Amino acid sequence: MEDKTFEELKYIYNIAGEGEKYYILILFDLCRHFPMNLKIIELGTGVGSTLLPLALACKYRKGKVYTIDLIRNETLIREKLKTIGAEEYVEFFTRNDISQESINFLLSHEQTFNLIFIDTSHDYYQTLFELRIYSEFIIKDGYIVLHDTKRENSYRVRKAMEKFLEENKNFVLSMD
């Protein structure tokens, strides 16, 4: 890894909350294994802790992150993206991710994505809906990553994942 990339990752790691630090390196590393022109959907931007490593990976893989959320921190997140030189690799869409507008937004930009990262309401029904709808956008051998599946209070996300996998035998679970 180049020194510049290391410094950018270090910056992201240092500004992340304690609960997010683990995901930063995993997400960045996962994205490094995708081909060039990487395409990512992020559902649930929050304060940008997971968006930053995804955007940095897109910077080096010539890709794009489409992040969908009822964002309240876009100005702050854009400043962080600018610091790592990754602002141009992110497109914000400020809507509820389960709205028809969000789905139409993605259909108008891309047909398939390498990675879908979901960290939204943690509600069983919303998570299951997101999995059912957004799985249609994933490429063969792509990944859907769910945040908060192992924490004690995240049983709803885990249950939605289990139901989705029961309904969709062509998807496999990896908890590495």
Protein backbone atom coordinates (compact mmCIF):
# COMPACT_ATOMS: atom_id res chain seq x y z
CA MET A 1 0.00 0.00 0.00
CA GLU A 2 1.33 3.40 -0.93
CA ASP A 3 2.18 5.90 1.79
CA LYS A 4 -0.52 8.29 0.57
CA THR A 5 -3.21 5.57 0.76
CA PHE A 6 -2.02 4.63 4.23
CA GLU A 7 -2.24 8.26 5.37
CA GLU A 8 -5.76 8.59 3.93
CA LEU A 9 -6.88 5.42 5.72
CA LYS A 10 -5.25 6.62 8.92
CA TYR A 11 -7.20 9.88 8.68
CA ILE A 12 -10.48 7.97 8.21
CA TYR A 13 -9.65 5.62 11.07
CA ASN A 14 -8.78 8.47 13.43
CA ILE A 15 -12.03 10.38 12.89
CA ALA A 16 -14.28 7.31 13.06
CA GLY A 17 -16.26 6.37 16.12
CA GLU A 18 -15.01 3.43 18.16
CA GLY A 19 -17.75 1.17 16.81
CA GLU A 20 -16.85 1.95 13.20
CA LYS A 21 -13.06 1.51 13.19
CA TYR A 22 -13.25 -2.23 12.53
CA TYR A 23 -15.40 -1.75 9.42
CA ILE A 24 -13.16 0.84 7.82
CA LEU A 25 -10.33 -1.54 7.05
CA ILE A 26 -12.62 -4.43 6.14
CA LEU A 27 -14.65 -2.37 3.67
CA PHE A 28 -11.59 -0.82 2.06
CA ASP A 29 -9.88 -4.20 1.74
CA LEU A 30 -13.01 -5.86 0.32
CA CYS A 31 -13.29 -3.17 -2.36
CA ARG A 32 -9.65 -3.54 -3.38
CA HIS A 33 -10.49 -7.02 -4.73
CA PHE A 34 -13.16 -5.81 -7.14
CA PRO A 35 -12.29 -4.92 -10.73
CA MET A 36 -11.75 -1.36 -11.88
CA ASN A 37 -14.86 0.79 -12.32
CA LEU A 38 -16.23 -0.42 -9.01
CA LYS A 39 -19.88 0.49 -8.36
CA ILE A 40 -21.30 0.64 -4.84
CA ILE A 41 -24.68 1.40 -3.27
CA GLU A 42 -24.59 2.56 0.32
CA LEU A 43 -27.92 2.64 2.13
CA GLY A 44 -27.63 4.71 5.29
CA THR A 45 -24.91 7.35 5.18
CA GLY A 46 -25.14 8.50 8.78
CA VAL A 47 -22.06 10.61 9.58
CA GLY A 48 -20.05 9.05 6.76
CA SER A 49 -17.90 6.62 8.75
CA THR A 50 -18.41 3.78 6.27
CA LEU A 51 -18.83 6.02 3.24
CA LEU A 52 -15.26 7.32 3.54
CA PRO A 53 -13.44 3.97 3.05
CA LEU A 54 -15.87 3.05 0.26
CA ALA A 55 -15.18 6.36 -1.47
CA LEU A 56 -11.42 5.97 -1.00
CA ALA A 57 -11.57 2.52 -2.58
CA CYS A 58 -13.53 3.99 -5.49
CA LYS A 59 -10.84 6.65 -5.89
CA TYR A 60 -8.25 3.92 -6.49
CA ARG A 61 -10.57 1.57 -8.44
CA LYS A 62 -12.02 4.37 -10.62
CA GLY A 63 -15.47 3.68 -9.20
CA LYS A 64 -18.48 5.40 -7.74
CA VAL A 65 -20.50 5.21 -4.52
CA TYR A 66 -24.17 6.07 -4.68
CA THR A 67 -25.22 6.82 -1.12
CA ILE A 68 -28.89 7.03 -0.23
CA ASP A 69 -30.15 8.41 3.06
CA LEU A 70 -32.16 11.15 4.68
CA ILE A 71 -28.78 12.83 5.16
CA ARG A 72 -28.42 15.58 7.71
CA ASN A 73 -24.64 15.85 7.61
CA GLU A 74 -23.87 16.19 3.91
CA THR A 75 -21.75 19.36 4.23
CA LEU A 76 -19.56 17.80 6.93
CA ILE A 77 -19.26 14.54 5.01
CA ARG A 78 -18.26 16.40 1.82
CA GLU A 79 -15.48 18.15 3.78
CA LYS A 80 -14.17 14.77 4.96
CA LEU A 81 -14.34 13.41 1.41
CA LYS A 82 -12.44 16.46 0.15
CA THR A 83 -9.69 15.83 2.74
CA ILE A 84 -9.01 12.38 1.22
CA GLY A 85 -9.54 13.56 -2.36
CA ALA A 86 -12.57 11.35 -2.91
CA GLU A 87 -15.46 13.80 -3.25
CA GLU A 88 -15.90 13.20 -6.98
CA TYR A 89 -16.38 9.45 -6.40
CA VAL A 90 -19.59 9.88 -4.38
CA GLU A 91 -23.08 10.81 -5.45
CA PHE A 92 -25.57 11.70 -2.70
CA PHE A 93 -29.28 11.04 -3.04
CA THR A 94 -31.24 12.51 -0.15
CA ARG A 95 -34.31 10.31 0.08
CA ASN A 96 -35.66 7.38 2.01
CA ASP A 97 -33.95 4.33 0.50
CA ILE A 98 -37.21 2.39 0.25
CA SER A 99 -38.93 5.08 -1.83
CA GLN A 100 -39.68 4.55 -5.52
CA GLU A 101 -37.64 7.71 -6.20
CA SER A 102 -34.51 6.02 -4.81
CA ILE A 103 -34.99 2.94 -6.93
CA ASN A 104 -35.62 5.09 -10.02
CA PHE A 105 -32.50 7.09 -9.20
CA LEU A 106 -30.37 3.93 -9.30
CA LEU A 107 -32.05 2.63 -12.44
CA SER A 108 -31.21 5.90 -14.18
CA HIS A 109 -27.50 5.61 -13.27
CA GLU A 110 -26.42 1.99 -13.30
CA GLN A 111 -27.88 -1.42 -13.82
CA THR A 112 -25.62 -3.47 -11.58
CA PHE A 113 -23.35 -2.96 -8.60
CA ASN A 114 -20.39 -4.83 -7.10
CA LEU A 115 -21.28 -4.04 -3.51
CA ILE A 116 -24.37 -3.01 -1.57
CA PHE A 117 -23.77 -1.82 1.98
CA ILE A 118 -26.84 -1.59 4.23
CA ASP A 119 -26.87 0.29 7.54
CA THR A 120 -30.27 1.94 7.87
CA SER A 121 -33.08 1.69 10.42
CA HIS A 122 -32.29 -1.81 11.76
CA ASP A 123 -36.00 -2.54 11.49
CA TYR A 124 -36.84 -6.11 10.43
CA TYR A 125 -39.37 -5.17 7.74
CA GLN A 126 -37.33 -2.35 6.27
CA THR A 127 -34.16 -4.46 6.16
CA LEU A 128 -36.00 -7.35 4.53
CA PHE A 129 -37.54 -4.95 1.98
CA GLU A 130 -34.10 -3.46 1.24
CA LEU A 131 -32.60 -6.91 0.74
CA ARG A 132 -35.42 -7.98 -1.57
CA ILE A 133 -35.32 -4.82 -3.69
CA TYR A 134 -31.61 -4.01 -3.81
CA SER A 135 -30.45 -7.61 -4.35
CA GLU A 136 -31.83 -7.17 -7.86
CA PHE A 137 -29.03 -4.66 -8.50
CA ILE A 138 -26.09 -6.87 -7.44
CA ILE A 139 -23.74 -8.44 -10.01
CA LYS A 140 -22.91 -12.13 -10.02
CA ASP A 141 -20.18 -12.63 -7.39
CA GLY A 142 -21.01 -9.27 -5.82
CA TYR A 143 -21.54 -8.66 -2.12
CA ILE A 144 -24.33 -7.41 0.08
CA VAL A 145 -22.88 -6.30 3.40
CA LEU A 146 -25.14 -5.72 6.39
CA HIS A 147 -23.97 -3.62 9.29
CA ASP A 148 -24.88 -4.61 12.85
CA THR A 149 -25.70 -8.30 12.46
CA LYS A 150 -23.68 -9.54 15.42
CA ARG A 151 -24.45 -6.99 18.13
CA GLU A 152 -26.81 -8.00 20.91
CA ASN A 153 -29.49 -5.50 19.95
CA SER A 154 -29.35 -6.24 16.21
CA TYR A 155 -31.49 -9.36 16.12
CA ARG A 156 -33.97 -7.68 13.72
CA VAL A 157 -31.27 -7.20 11.07
CA ARG A 158 -30.07 -10.76 11.57
CA LYS A 159 -33.63 -12.14 11.35
CA ALA A 160 -34.27 -10.20 8.13
CA MET A 161 -31.01 -11.57 6.70
CA GLU A 162 -32.00 -15.13 7.66
CA LYS A 163 -35.45 -14.73 6.06
CA PHE A 164 -33.91 -13.31 2.88
CA LEU A 165 -31.43 -16.20 2.64
CA GLU A 166 -34.26 -18.68 3.18
CA GLU A 167 -36.12 -17.09 0.25
CA ASN A 168 -33.04 -16.72 -1.98
CA LYS A 169 -30.96 -19.90 -2.19
CA ASN A 170 -28.65 -18.30 -4.78
CA PHE A 171 -27.17 -16.04 -2.07
CA VAL A 172 -24.72 -17.36 0.48
CA LEU A 173 -23.84 -16.11 3.92
CA SER A 174 -20.24 -15.31 4.79
CA MET A 175 -19.51 -14.07 8.30
CA ASP A 176 -15.71 -13.85 8.06
